[in-house]
Amino acid sequence: MSHIFNVLPRAAIVAPAALLLLMHGAGPAAGAEKGKPEAARGAPASRQDRVALVAGAVYSASETNETLRYLCDEIGSRLSGTVGCDRALEYAEKLMKSYGLSRVHQEAYEFPGWFRGPFRCEITSPRPFAMHAMALANTPSTPAGGVEAEVVDALHGNPVELDRLGDALKGRFALVIDEPMPGGRWMHRSDIMKEIAARGAAGMIVQSTEPGQLPMTGTCW
């Protein structure tokens, strides 16, 4: 059995960034006299009480839920360097300015980025058929024609299991399941990738353990 994988390359992206966290709490009650101590105005005196006041406003009377809804429903995914990220930064900048904050601005910086594009994975033998799959973030580009190789069941990708396979992984895809081996520690897919790469594998295929075998996503270095 063999697979063909096509993935998108990395890209160097210049993107703006805005890193600010805002919390809004209720101010003094209407008609409160200025110049009096907080306790005299009826405002919470202790830090714990003030935190409780802010937390209550966030959960019950602020625009936090609407802000979250807009980011998720109107803008959508906001990976760094993507159009969604740019839209989210513009929205955050306008929102902060509407709060009356001064010197709100974006600053550009360069970083290595990655974005998901077209991806194809299929069985080529003994019977051709397409697989429901996606590339993990930071997956490097394949050659133009993709990569085709046999598949070896590498169980959980634990070094103990991989050692038992000997040279069987060389030039082949390692099929691993995202869960710890019995009695063994859980390993991040990046750690598993390092282990199989050291053994000369052509690549890694991660079997999903989600209900309905939904394809997983996330970073893999």
N, C-alpha and C. Protein backbone atom coordinates (compact mmCIF):
# COMPACT_ATOMS: atom_id res chain seq x y z
N MET A 1 0.86 -1.19 0.00
CA MET A 1 0.00 0.00 0.00
C MET A 1 0.89 1.23 0.00
N SER A 2 0.56 2.25 -0.78
CA SER A 2 1.38 3.45 -0.83
C SER A 2 0.52 4.68 -0.90
N HIS A 3 1.10 5.82 -0.58
CA HIS A 3 0.39 7.09 -0.52
C HIS A 3 1.10 8.14 -1.37
N ILE A 4 0.35 9.11 -1.86
CA ILE A 4 0.92 10.31 -2.45
C ILE A 4 0.48 11.49 -1.61
N PHE A 5 1.45 12.32 -1.20
CA PHE A 5 1.15 13.51 -0.41
C PHE A 5 1.56 14.75 -1.18
N ASN A 6 0.68 15.73 -1.26
CA ASN A 6 1.03 17.04 -1.78
C ASN A 6 0.71 18.06 -0.72
N VAL A 7 1.68 18.91 -0.33
CA VAL A 7 1.44 19.94 0.67
C VAL A 7 2.01 21.25 0.20
N LEU A 8 1.63 22.32 0.87
CA LEU A 8 2.05 23.66 0.49
C LEU A 8 3.33 24.04 1.21
N PRO A 9 4.19 24.86 0.59
CA PRO A 9 5.45 25.23 1.22
C PRO A 9 5.29 26.26 2.31
N ARG A 10 6.38 26.48 3.07
CA ARG A 10 6.41 27.56 4.03
C ARG A 10 6.54 28.88 3.29
N ALA A 11 6.23 29.93 3.95
CA ALA A 11 6.38 31.25 3.34
C ALA A 11 6.88 32.23 4.38
N ALA A 12 7.73 33.16 3.95
CA ALA A 12 8.17 34.23 4.84
C ALA A 12 7.19 35.38 4.71
N ILE A 13 6.60 35.79 5.81
CA ILE A 13 5.51 36.76 5.78
C ILE A 13 5.86 37.94 6.66
N VAL A 14 5.56 39.12 6.15
CA VAL A 14 5.66 40.31 6.99
C VAL A 14 4.25 40.70 7.38
N ALA A 15 3.99 40.76 8.69
CA ALA A 15 2.62 41.00 9.16
C ALA A 15 2.62 41.94 10.33
N PRO A 16 1.54 42.72 10.48
CA PRO A 16 1.43 43.58 11.66
C PRO A 16 0.99 42.78 12.87
N ALA A 17 1.23 43.32 14.03
CA ALA A 17 0.81 42.63 15.25
C ALA A 17 0.35 43.64 16.27
N ALA A 18 -0.70 43.29 16.98
CA ALA A 18 -1.17 44.12 18.09
C ALA A 18 -1.41 43.19 19.27
N LEU A 19 -0.72 43.43 20.37
CA LEU A 19 -0.84 42.56 21.54
C LEU A 19 -1.29 43.39 22.72
N LEU A 20 -2.59 43.41 22.94
CA LEU A 20 -3.14 44.14 24.07
C LEU A 20 -4.30 43.36 24.65
N LEU A 21 -4.42 43.34 25.96
CA LEU A 21 -5.54 42.70 26.64
C LEU A 21 -6.28 43.77 27.41
N LEU A 22 -7.60 43.87 27.14
CA LEU A 22 -8.39 44.91 27.79
C LEU A 22 -9.42 44.29 28.72
N MET A 23 -9.62 44.93 29.88
CA MET A 23 -10.70 44.54 30.78
C MET A 23 -11.45 45.80 31.14
N HIS A 24 -12.77 45.73 31.09
CA HIS A 24 -13.60 46.89 31.37
C HIS A 24 -14.51 46.60 32.54
N GLY A 25 -14.50 47.49 33.53
CA GLY A 25 -15.36 47.34 34.68
C GLY A 25 -16.26 48.55 34.82
N ALA A 26 -17.23 48.42 35.68
CA ALA A 26 -18.15 49.52 35.88
C ALA A 26 -17.46 50.65 36.64
N GLY A 27 -17.77 51.89 36.30
CA GLY A 27 -17.20 53.04 36.97
C GLY A 27 -18.02 53.38 38.20
N PRO A 28 -17.75 54.55 38.84
CA PRO A 28 -18.51 54.97 40.02
C PRO A 28 -19.98 55.11 39.70
N ALA A 29 -20.81 54.92 40.68
CA ALA A 29 -22.25 55.02 40.47
C ALA A 29 -22.62 56.44 40.05
N ALA A 30 -23.70 56.56 39.28
CA ALA A 30 -24.15 57.86 38.80
C ALA A 30 -24.44 58.78 39.98
N GLY A 31 -23.96 60.01 39.87
CA GLY A 31 -24.24 60.99 40.92
C GLY A 31 -23.26 60.96 42.07
N ALA A 32 -22.25 60.06 42.00
CA ALA A 32 -21.27 59.98 43.08
C ALA A 32 -20.47 61.27 43.14
N GLU A 33 -20.12 61.66 44.33
CA GLU A 33 -19.38 62.90 44.53
C GLU A 33 -17.91 62.68 44.22
N LYS A 34 -17.33 63.58 43.46
CA LYS A 34 -15.92 63.49 43.13
C LYS A 34 -15.08 63.94 44.31
N GLY A 35 -13.86 63.41 44.34
CA GLY A 35 -12.93 63.85 45.35
C GLY A 35 -12.98 63.08 46.64
N LYS A 36 -13.99 62.25 46.85
CA LYS A 36 -14.09 61.46 48.07
C LYS A 36 -13.34 60.14 47.90
N PRO A 37 -12.83 59.55 48.96
CA PRO A 37 -12.17 58.24 48.85
C PRO A 37 -13.13 57.20 48.29
N GLU A 38 -12.56 56.12 47.70
CA GLU A 38 -13.40 55.09 47.09
C GLU A 38 -14.39 54.52 48.08
N ALA A 39 -13.93 54.27 49.32
CA ALA A 39 -14.83 53.68 50.31
C ALA A 39 -16.01 54.59 50.57
N ALA A 40 -15.75 55.91 50.59
CA ALA A 40 -16.82 56.86 50.85
C ALA A 40 -17.80 56.92 49.69
N ARG A 41 -17.33 56.65 48.47
CA ARG A 41 -18.22 56.69 47.30
C ARG A 41 -18.96 55.38 47.13
N GLY A 42 -18.67 54.41 47.91
CA GLY A 42 -19.34 53.12 47.80
C GLY A 42 -18.66 52.16 46.86
N ALA A 43 -17.48 52.50 46.33
CA ALA A 43 -16.75 51.61 45.43
C ALA A 43 -16.06 50.51 46.23
N PRO A 44 -15.83 49.35 45.63
CA PRO A 44 -15.15 48.27 46.35
C PRO A 44 -13.79 48.73 46.85
N ALA A 45 -13.49 48.45 48.12
CA ALA A 45 -12.25 48.92 48.72
C ALA A 45 -11.09 47.97 48.48
N SER A 46 -11.34 46.66 48.56
CA SER A 46 -10.25 45.70 48.43
C SER A 46 -10.03 45.32 46.97
N ARG A 47 -8.82 44.85 46.70
CA ARG A 47 -8.50 44.41 45.34
C ARG A 47 -9.40 43.24 44.92
N GLN A 48 -9.66 42.33 45.84
CA GLN A 48 -10.50 41.18 45.54
C GLN A 48 -11.90 41.62 45.14
N ASP A 49 -12.44 42.63 45.84
CA ASP A 49 -13.77 43.13 45.49
C ASP A 49 -13.76 43.81 44.12
N ARG A 50 -12.68 44.54 43.82
CA ARG A 50 -12.62 45.21 42.53
C ARG A 50 -12.53 44.19 41.39
N VAL A 51 -11.74 43.12 41.60
CA VAL A 51 -11.64 42.06 40.59
C VAL A 51 -13.00 41.40 40.38
N ALA A 52 -13.73 41.17 41.48
CA ALA A 52 -15.06 40.56 41.39
C ALA A 52 -16.00 41.46 40.59
N LEU A 53 -15.90 42.77 40.79
CA LEU A 53 -16.75 43.71 40.07
C LEU A 53 -16.47 43.66 38.58
N VAL A 54 -15.19 43.65 38.21
CA VAL A 54 -14.81 43.59 36.80
C VAL A 54 -15.25 42.27 36.19
N ALA A 55 -15.00 41.17 36.91
CA ALA A 55 -15.38 39.85 36.39
C ALA A 55 -16.88 39.76 36.18
N GLY A 56 -17.65 40.32 37.11
CA GLY A 56 -19.11 40.31 36.95
C GLY A 56 -19.55 41.08 35.72
N ALA A 57 -18.90 42.23 35.48
CA ALA A 57 -19.25 43.03 34.30
C ALA A 57 -18.91 42.28 33.02
N VAL A 58 -17.77 41.58 33.02
CA VAL A 58 -17.35 40.83 31.83
C VAL A 58 -18.35 39.73 31.49
N TYR A 59 -18.80 39.03 32.52
CA TYR A 59 -19.69 37.89 32.29
C TYR A 59 -21.15 38.28 32.07
N SER A 60 -21.55 39.45 32.53
CA SER A 60 -22.97 39.76 32.47
C SER A 60 -23.34 41.01 31.69
N ALA A 61 -22.52 42.04 31.71
CA ALA A 61 -23.00 43.31 31.18
C ALA A 61 -22.06 43.97 30.18
N SER A 62 -20.98 43.33 29.77
CA SER A 62 -20.06 43.97 28.85
C SER A 62 -20.25 43.44 27.45
N GLU A 63 -19.43 43.96 26.52
CA GLU A 63 -19.54 43.55 25.12
C GLU A 63 -18.60 42.39 24.78
N THR A 64 -18.07 41.70 25.82
CA THR A 64 -17.11 40.64 25.58
C THR A 64 -17.66 39.55 24.66
N ASN A 65 -18.89 39.09 24.93
CA ASN A 65 -19.47 38.03 24.12
C ASN A 65 -19.64 38.47 22.66
N GLU A 66 -20.06 39.71 22.46
CA GLU A 66 -20.25 40.20 21.09
C GLU A 66 -18.91 40.32 20.38
N THR A 67 -17.87 40.76 21.11
CA THR A 67 -16.53 40.83 20.51
C THR A 67 -16.06 39.45 20.08
N LEU A 68 -16.27 38.47 20.94
CA LEU A 68 -15.87 37.10 20.62
C LEU A 68 -16.67 36.57 19.43
N ARG A 69 -17.97 36.85 19.42
CA ARG A 69 -18.81 36.40 18.30
C ARG A 69 -18.32 37.00 16.98
N TYR A 70 -17.99 38.30 17.00
CA TYR A 70 -17.55 38.95 15.77
C TYR A 70 -16.22 38.35 15.27
N LEU A 71 -15.29 38.13 16.19
CA LEU A 71 -14.01 37.54 15.81
C LEU A 71 -14.18 36.16 15.20
N CYS A 72 -15.07 35.35 15.80
CA CYS A 72 -15.24 33.96 15.35
C CYS A 72 -16.15 33.85 14.12
N ASP A 73 -17.29 34.56 14.14
CA ASP A 73 -18.29 34.39 13.09
C ASP A 73 -18.08 35.32 11.89
N GLU A 74 -17.69 36.56 12.14
CA GLU A 74 -17.56 37.52 11.05
C GLU A 74 -16.17 37.45 10.41
N ILE A 75 -15.13 37.25 11.22
CA ILE A 75 -13.77 37.22 10.69
C ILE A 75 -13.30 35.80 10.45
N GLY A 76 -13.52 34.93 11.41
CA GLY A 76 -13.12 33.53 11.22
C GLY A 76 -11.70 33.26 11.66
N SER A 77 -11.03 32.33 10.98
CA SER A 77 -9.68 31.94 11.38
C SER A 77 -8.73 33.12 11.26
N ARG A 78 -7.76 33.19 12.19
CA ARG A 78 -6.89 34.37 12.26
C ARG A 78 -5.43 33.95 12.43
N LEU A 79 -4.99 32.97 11.65
CA LEU A 79 -3.60 32.56 11.71
C LEU A 79 -2.69 33.73 11.33
N SER A 80 -1.55 33.83 12.00
CA SER A 80 -0.62 34.92 11.75
C SER A 80 -0.22 34.98 10.28
N GLY A 81 -0.30 36.19 9.72
CA GLY A 81 0.10 36.39 8.34
C GLY A 81 -0.98 36.17 7.31
N THR A 82 -2.19 35.79 7.75
CA THR A 82 -3.28 35.56 6.81
C THR A 82 -4.18 36.78 6.72
N VAL A 83 -5.10 36.77 5.75
CA VAL A 83 -6.05 37.86 5.60
C VAL A 83 -6.92 37.99 6.84
N GLY A 84 -7.31 36.85 7.44
CA GLY A 84 -8.10 36.89 8.66
C GLY A 84 -7.37 37.58 9.79
N CYS A 85 -6.06 37.36 9.88
CA CYS A 85 -5.26 38.03 10.90
C CYS A 85 -5.26 39.54 10.68
N ASP A 86 -5.10 39.96 9.45
CA ASP A 86 -5.10 41.40 9.14
C ASP A 86 -6.44 42.04 9.52
N ARG A 87 -7.53 41.36 9.20
CA ARG A 87 -8.85 41.89 9.54
C ARG A 87 -9.05 41.98 11.05
N ALA A 88 -8.56 40.97 11.78
CA ALA A 88 -8.70 40.98 13.24
C ALA A 88 -7.89 42.11 13.86
N LEU A 89 -6.71 42.37 13.32
CA LEU A 89 -5.89 43.45 13.85
C LEU A 89 -6.54 44.82 13.60
N GLU A 90 -7.11 44.99 12.41
CA GLU A 90 -7.80 46.25 12.11
C GLU A 90 -9.00 46.43 13.04
N TYR A 91 -9.73 45.34 13.29
CA TYR A 91 -10.88 45.40 14.19
C TYR A 91 -10.44 45.76 15.61
N ALA A 92 -9.36 45.11 16.08
CA ALA A 92 -8.87 45.38 17.44
C ALA A 92 -8.40 46.82 17.57
N GLU A 93 -7.74 47.33 16.54
CA GLU A 93 -7.25 48.71 16.58
C GLU A 93 -8.40 49.71 16.69
N LYS A 94 -9.44 49.50 15.87
CA LYS A 94 -10.60 50.40 15.92
C LYS A 94 -11.32 50.29 17.26
N LEU A 95 -11.41 49.08 17.80
CA LEU A 95 -12.09 48.87 19.08
C LEU A 95 -11.36 49.59 20.20
N MET A 96 -10.04 49.47 20.21
CA MET A 96 -9.26 50.11 21.27
C MET A 96 -9.35 51.63 21.17
N LYS A 97 -9.35 52.14 19.96
CA LYS A 97 -9.49 53.59 19.78
C LYS A 97 -10.87 54.06 20.25
N SER A 98 -11.90 53.22 20.05
CA SER A 98 -13.24 53.59 20.49
C SER A 98 -13.34 53.66 22.00
N TYR A 99 -12.43 52.95 22.71
CA TYR A 99 -12.40 53.01 24.16
C TYR A 99 -11.68 54.26 24.67
N GLY A 100 -11.10 55.02 23.75
CA GLY A 100 -10.41 56.23 24.14
C GLY A 100 -8.94 56.03 24.46
N LEU A 101 -8.41 54.86 24.13
CA LEU A 101 -6.99 54.63 24.37
C LEU A 101 -6.16 55.48 23.42
N SER A 102 -5.03 55.96 23.89
CA SER A 102 -4.17 56.81 23.06
C SER A 102 -3.01 56.00 22.48
N ARG A 103 -2.45 56.51 21.41
CA ARG A 103 -1.28 55.91 20.75
C ARG A 103 -1.51 54.45 20.36
N VAL A 104 -2.70 54.12 19.95
CA VAL A 104 -2.99 52.77 19.45
C VAL A 104 -2.43 52.65 18.03
N HIS A 105 -1.60 51.67 17.79
CA HIS A 105 -1.02 51.50 16.46
C HIS A 105 -0.55 50.06 16.29
N GLN A 106 -0.26 49.70 15.07
CA GLN A 106 0.28 48.39 14.76
C GLN A 106 1.75 48.51 14.40
N GLU A 107 2.52 47.49 14.73
CA GLU A 107 3.93 47.45 14.39
C GLU A 107 4.22 46.18 13.60
N ALA A 108 4.93 46.33 12.51
CA ALA A 108 5.25 45.20 11.65
C ALA A 108 6.53 44.51 12.11
N TYR A 109 6.59 43.21 11.95
CA TYR A 109 7.81 42.45 12.21
C TYR A 109 7.81 41.23 11.31
N GLU A 110 8.97 40.69 11.06
CA GLU A 110 9.11 39.55 10.14
C GLU A 110 9.24 38.25 10.92
N PHE A 111 8.57 37.22 10.45
CA PHE A 111 8.65 35.93 11.12
C PHE A 111 8.42 34.82 10.09
N PRO A 112 8.90 33.61 10.35
CA PRO A 112 8.62 32.49 9.44
C PRO A 112 7.18 32.04 9.63
N GLY A 113 6.41 32.05 8.57
CA GLY A 113 5.00 31.70 8.68
C GLY A 113 4.64 30.50 7.81
N TRP A 114 3.44 30.05 7.95
CA TRP A 114 2.95 28.88 7.20
C TRP A 114 1.46 29.04 7.02
N PHE A 115 0.94 28.68 5.87
CA PHE A 115 -0.51 28.69 5.69
C PHE A 115 -0.93 27.47 4.90
N ARG A 116 -2.13 26.99 5.22
CA ARG A 116 -2.63 25.75 4.60
C ARG A 116 -3.25 26.05 3.25
N GLY A 117 -2.91 25.26 2.26
CA GLY A 117 -3.46 25.39 0.92
C GLY A 117 -3.95 24.04 0.42
N PRO A 118 -3.99 23.84 -0.89
CA PRO A 118 -4.46 22.57 -1.45
C PRO A 118 -3.64 21.39 -0.95
N PHE A 119 -4.31 20.29 -0.68
CA PHE A 119 -3.65 19.10 -0.15
C PHE A 119 -4.35 17.87 -0.70
N ARG A 120 -3.57 16.89 -1.11
CA ARG A 120 -4.16 15.67 -1.66
C ARG A 120 -3.44 14.46 -1.09
N CYS A 121 -4.21 13.49 -0.64
CA CYS A 121 -3.66 12.24 -0.10
C CYS A 121 -4.50 11.10 -0.65
N GLU A 122 -3.84 10.11 -1.22
CA GLU A 122 -4.62 8.99 -1.78
C GLU A 122 -3.83 7.69 -1.71
N ILE A 123 -4.58 6.61 -1.64
CA ILE A 123 -4.02 5.27 -1.76
C ILE A 123 -3.83 5.00 -3.26
N THR A 124 -2.68 4.48 -3.64
CA THR A 124 -2.45 4.19 -5.07
C THR A 124 -2.53 2.70 -5.39
N SER A 125 -2.36 1.85 -4.37
CA SER A 125 -2.48 0.42 -4.60
C SER A 125 -2.76 -0.28 -3.26
N PRO A 126 -3.42 -1.39 -3.23
CA PRO A 126 -3.83 -2.18 -4.41
C PRO A 126 -5.07 -1.64 -5.12
N ARG A 127 -5.82 -0.73 -4.46
CA ARG A 127 -6.99 -0.14 -5.12
C ARG A 127 -6.96 1.36 -4.88
N PRO A 128 -6.92 2.18 -5.92
CA PRO A 128 -6.82 3.64 -5.73
C PRO A 128 -8.08 4.23 -5.11
N PHE A 129 -7.91 5.07 -4.11
CA PHE A 129 -9.02 5.86 -3.57
C PHE A 129 -8.44 7.00 -2.74
N ALA A 130 -9.22 8.10 -2.66
CA ALA A 130 -8.77 9.29 -1.94
C ALA A 130 -9.01 9.13 -0.45
N MET A 131 -8.17 9.78 0.36
CA MET A 131 -8.32 9.76 1.81
C MET A 131 -8.70 11.14 2.29
N HIS A 132 -9.46 11.16 3.39
CA HIS A 132 -9.85 12.43 4.03
C HIS A 132 -8.73 12.81 4.97
N ALA A 133 -7.92 13.82 4.61
CA ALA A 133 -6.74 14.16 5.39
C ALA A 133 -6.38 15.63 5.17
N MET A 134 -5.51 16.15 6.03
CA MET A 134 -4.99 17.51 5.86
C MET A 134 -3.56 17.55 6.41
N ALA A 135 -2.82 18.57 5.94
CA ALA A 135 -1.42 18.71 6.37
C ALA A 135 -1.36 19.35 7.75
N LEU A 136 -0.46 18.85 8.58
CA LEU A 136 -0.19 19.50 9.86
C LEU A 136 0.56 20.80 9.62
N ALA A 137 0.33 21.79 10.46
CA ALA A 137 0.99 23.07 10.31
C ALA A 137 2.51 22.90 10.36
N ASN A 138 3.20 23.66 9.52
CA ASN A 138 4.65 23.66 9.34
C ASN A 138 5.15 22.49 8.50
N THR A 139 4.22 21.73 7.90
CA THR A 139 4.64 20.67 7.00
C THR A 139 5.36 21.29 5.81
N PRO A 140 6.58 20.84 5.48
CA PRO A 140 7.30 21.42 4.35
C PRO A 140 6.73 20.97 3.02
N SER A 141 7.13 21.64 1.96
CA SER A 141 6.63 21.32 0.63
C SER A 141 7.18 19.99 0.14
N THR A 142 6.38 19.27 -0.62
CA THR A 142 6.84 18.08 -1.32
C THR A 142 7.35 18.50 -2.70
N PRO A 143 8.04 17.62 -3.41
CA PRO A 143 8.36 17.90 -4.82
C PRO A 143 7.07 18.09 -5.61
N ALA A 144 7.18 18.61 -6.81
CA ALA A 144 6.00 18.92 -7.63
C ALA A 144 5.08 17.73 -7.81
N GLY A 145 5.64 16.54 -7.95
CA GLY A 145 4.82 15.36 -8.17
C GLY A 145 4.37 14.67 -6.91
N GLY A 146 4.69 15.25 -5.75
CA GLY A 146 4.30 14.64 -4.49
C GLY A 146 5.31 13.58 -4.06
N VAL A 147 4.96 12.84 -3.03
CA VAL A 147 5.80 11.76 -2.51
C VAL A 147 4.98 10.49 -2.46
N GLU A 148 5.50 9.41 -3.02
CA GLU A 148 4.81 8.13 -3.01
C GLU A 148 5.69 7.09 -2.33
N ALA A 149 5.12 6.37 -1.37
CA ALA A 149 5.89 5.37 -0.64
C ALA A 149 4.96 4.37 0.02
N GLU A 150 5.50 3.23 0.40
CA GLU A 150 4.74 2.25 1.15
C GLU A 150 4.50 2.76 2.57
N VAL A 151 3.50 2.18 3.23
CA VAL A 151 3.13 2.58 4.58
C VAL A 151 3.43 1.45 5.56
N VAL A 152 4.04 1.83 6.70
CA VAL A 152 4.34 0.86 7.76
C VAL A 152 3.58 1.26 9.01
N ASP A 153 2.92 0.30 9.64
CA ASP A 153 2.22 0.56 10.90
C ASP A 153 3.25 0.75 12.00
N ALA A 154 3.38 2.01 12.47
CA ALA A 154 4.36 2.33 13.51
C ALA A 154 3.70 2.46 14.88
N LEU A 155 2.49 1.92 15.02
CA LEU A 155 1.76 1.90 16.29
C LEU A 155 1.63 3.31 16.87
N HIS A 156 2.19 3.55 18.07
CA HIS A 156 2.05 4.85 18.74
C HIS A 156 3.23 5.78 18.49
N GLY A 157 4.21 5.31 17.73
CA GLY A 157 5.38 6.13 17.45
C GLY A 157 6.35 6.22 18.60
N ASN A 158 6.17 5.39 19.62
CA ASN A 158 7.07 5.39 20.76
C ASN A 158 8.41 4.78 20.34
N PRO A 159 9.54 5.34 20.83
CA PRO A 159 10.86 4.81 20.46
C PRO A 159 11.00 3.31 20.69
N VAL A 160 10.36 2.80 21.74
CA VAL A 160 10.44 1.36 22.02
C VAL A 160 9.83 0.57 20.87
N GLU A 161 8.67 1.04 20.39
CA GLU A 161 8.01 0.35 19.28
C GLU A 161 8.78 0.54 17.99
N LEU A 162 9.32 1.73 17.78
CA LEU A 162 10.05 2.01 16.55
C LEU A 162 11.32 1.17 16.46
N ASP A 163 11.97 0.98 17.60
CA ASP A 163 13.19 0.16 17.60
C ASP A 163 12.89 -1.27 17.17
N ARG A 164 11.71 -1.75 17.52
CA ARG A 164 11.34 -3.13 17.15
C ARG A 164 11.16 -3.28 15.64
N LEU A 165 10.87 -2.15 14.94
CA LEU A 165 10.68 -2.21 13.50
C LEU A 165 11.99 -2.29 12.74
N GLY A 166 13.10 -2.00 13.41
CA GLY A 166 14.40 -2.07 12.75
C GLY A 166 14.50 -1.09 11.60
N ASP A 167 14.87 -1.57 10.43
CA ASP A 167 15.03 -0.74 9.24
C ASP A 167 13.75 -0.63 8.41
N ALA A 168 12.64 -1.11 8.94
CA ALA A 168 11.40 -1.16 8.15
C ALA A 168 10.87 0.23 7.78
N LEU A 169 11.27 1.28 8.53
CA LEU A 169 10.75 2.63 8.26
C LEU A 169 11.51 3.35 7.15
N LYS A 170 12.68 2.88 6.79
CA LYS A 170 13.49 3.59 5.81
C LYS A 170 12.75 3.72 4.47
N GLY A 171 12.57 4.98 4.05
CA GLY A 171 11.93 5.24 2.77
C GLY A 171 10.44 5.01 2.75
N ARG A 172 9.83 4.78 3.92
CA ARG A 172 8.40 4.50 3.98
C ARG A 172 7.69 5.51 4.90
N PHE A 173 6.37 5.62 4.75
CA PHE A 173 5.57 6.44 5.65
C PHE A 173 5.30 5.67 6.93
N ALA A 174 5.42 6.36 8.05
CA ALA A 174 5.11 5.76 9.36
C ALA A 174 3.68 6.14 9.73
N LEU A 175 2.83 5.15 9.89
CA LEU A 175 1.45 5.37 10.31
C LEU A 175 1.39 5.25 11.83
N VAL A 176 1.04 6.35 12.52
CA VAL A 176 1.00 6.34 13.98
C VAL A 176 -0.39 6.78 14.46
N ILE A 177 -0.75 6.35 15.63
CA ILE A 177 -2.02 6.75 16.24
C ILE A 177 -1.72 7.71 17.39
N ASP A 178 -2.52 8.74 17.51
CA ASP A 178 -2.25 9.83 18.46
C ASP A 178 -2.75 9.46 19.85
N GLU A 179 -2.06 8.54 20.49
CA GLU A 179 -2.34 8.17 21.87
C GLU A 179 -1.12 7.43 22.42
N PRO A 180 -0.92 7.44 23.75
CA PRO A 180 0.26 6.78 24.32
C PRO A 180 0.16 5.26 24.24
N MET A 181 1.30 4.63 24.11
CA MET A 181 1.32 3.18 24.14
C MET A 181 1.01 2.72 25.57
N PRO A 182 0.48 1.50 25.75
CA PRO A 182 0.17 1.01 27.08
C PRO A 182 1.39 1.06 27.99
N GLY A 183 1.25 1.76 29.12
CA GLY A 183 2.35 1.87 30.06
C GLY A 183 3.40 2.89 29.68
N GLY A 184 3.22 3.56 28.55
CA GLY A 184 4.21 4.53 28.10
C GLY A 184 3.70 5.95 28.21
N ARG A 185 4.62 6.90 28.09
CA ARG A 185 4.24 8.31 28.18
C ARG A 185 3.65 8.79 26.86
N TRP A 186 2.80 9.82 26.93
CA TRP A 186 2.26 10.43 25.72
C TRP A 186 3.33 11.28 25.07
N MET A 187 3.43 11.21 23.75
CA MET A 187 4.44 11.97 23.01
C MET A 187 3.75 12.93 22.04
N HIS A 188 4.25 14.14 21.99
CA HIS A 188 3.74 15.10 21.03
C HIS A 188 4.15 14.65 19.62
N ARG A 189 3.32 14.96 18.65
CA ARG A 189 3.59 14.53 17.27
C ARG A 189 4.95 15.06 16.76
N SER A 190 5.39 16.23 17.28
CA SER A 190 6.70 16.74 16.88
C SER A 190 7.82 15.82 17.38
N ASP A 191 7.67 15.29 18.59
CA ASP A 191 8.65 14.35 19.14
C ASP A 191 8.65 13.05 18.35
N ILE A 192 7.44 12.60 17.96
CA ILE A 192 7.35 11.37 17.16
C ILE A 192 7.99 11.59 15.80
N MET A 193 7.73 12.75 15.20
CA MET A 193 8.30 13.06 13.89
C MET A 193 9.82 13.03 13.94
N LYS A 194 10.39 13.55 15.01
CA LYS A 194 11.85 13.53 15.18
C LYS A 194 12.37 12.10 15.22
N GLU A 195 11.65 11.23 15.91
CA GLU A 195 12.08 9.84 16.04
C GLU A 195 12.02 9.11 14.70
N ILE A 196 10.93 9.29 13.95
CA ILE A 196 10.82 8.55 12.69
C ILE A 196 11.73 9.14 11.62
N ALA A 197 11.98 10.45 11.68
CA ALA A 197 12.91 11.07 10.73
C ALA A 197 14.31 10.53 10.93
N ALA A 198 14.69 10.32 12.20
CA ALA A 198 16.01 9.78 12.50
C ALA A 198 16.18 8.37 11.97
N ARG A 199 15.08 7.69 11.71
CA ARG A 199 15.12 6.32 11.20
C ARG A 199 14.93 6.26 9.69
N GLY A 200 14.97 7.43 9.03
CA GLY A 200 14.94 7.46 7.57
C GLY A 200 13.57 7.34 6.93
N ALA A 201 12.50 7.64 7.68
CA ALA A 201 11.15 7.52 7.12
C ALA A 201 10.89 8.60 6.07
N ALA A 202 10.00 8.32 5.13
CA ALA A 202 9.64 9.29 4.09
C ALA A 202 8.68 10.34 4.63
N GLY A 203 7.98 10.03 5.71
CA GLY A 203 7.02 10.97 6.28
C GLY A 203 6.21 10.31 7.37
N MET A 204 5.26 11.04 7.91
CA MET A 204 4.43 10.54 9.00
C MET A 204 2.95 10.76 8.68
N ILE A 205 2.16 9.75 8.93
CA ILE A 205 0.70 9.85 8.81
C ILE A 205 0.13 9.61 10.21
N VAL A 206 -0.66 10.56 10.69
CA VAL A 206 -1.23 10.45 12.03
C VAL A 206 -2.70 10.04 11.93
N GLN A 207 -3.04 8.93 12.54
CA GLN A 207 -4.42 8.47 12.55
C GLN A 207 -5.19 9.19 13.64
N SER A 208 -6.32 9.76 13.29
CA SER A 208 -7.12 10.52 14.25
C SER A 208 -7.84 9.59 15.21
N THR A 209 -7.95 10.06 16.47
CA THR A 209 -8.73 9.33 17.47
C THR A 209 -10.01 10.08 17.82
N GLU A 210 -10.30 11.16 17.06
CA GLU A 210 -11.51 11.93 17.31
C GLU A 210 -12.74 11.15 16.87
N PRO A 211 -13.92 11.41 17.49
CA PRO A 211 -15.16 10.75 17.05
C PRO A 211 -15.39 10.99 15.56
N GLY A 212 -15.68 9.94 14.84
CA GLY A 212 -15.89 10.06 13.40
C GLY A 212 -14.58 10.17 12.64
N GLN A 213 -13.44 10.03 13.33
CA GLN A 213 -12.11 10.13 12.74
C GLN A 213 -11.93 11.45 11.98
N LEU A 214 -12.40 12.55 12.59
CA LEU A 214 -12.17 13.86 11.99
C LEU A 214 -10.67 14.11 11.94
N PRO A 215 -10.17 14.66 10.84
CA PRO A 215 -8.72 14.90 10.75
C PRO A 215 -8.27 15.93 11.76
N MET A 216 -7.15 15.68 12.40
CA MET A 216 -6.63 16.61 13.39
C MET A 216 -5.84 17.72 12.70
N THR A 217 -5.64 18.79 13.41
CA THR A 217 -4.80 19.87 12.91
C THR A 217 -3.92 20.35 14.06
N GLY A 218 -2.94 21.16 13.74
CA GLY A 218 -2.02 21.64 14.76
C GLY A 218 -0.61 21.68 14.24
N THR A 219 0.30 22.06 15.11
CA THR A 219 1.69 22.26 14.71
C THR A 219 2.49 20.97 14.82
N CYS A 220 3.40 20.79 13.87
CA CYS A 220 4.35 19.68 13.93
C CYS A 220 5.67 20.18 13.36
N TRP A 221 6.68 20.21 14.20
CA TRP A 221 8.00 20.70 13.76
C TRP A 221 8.87 19.55 13.34
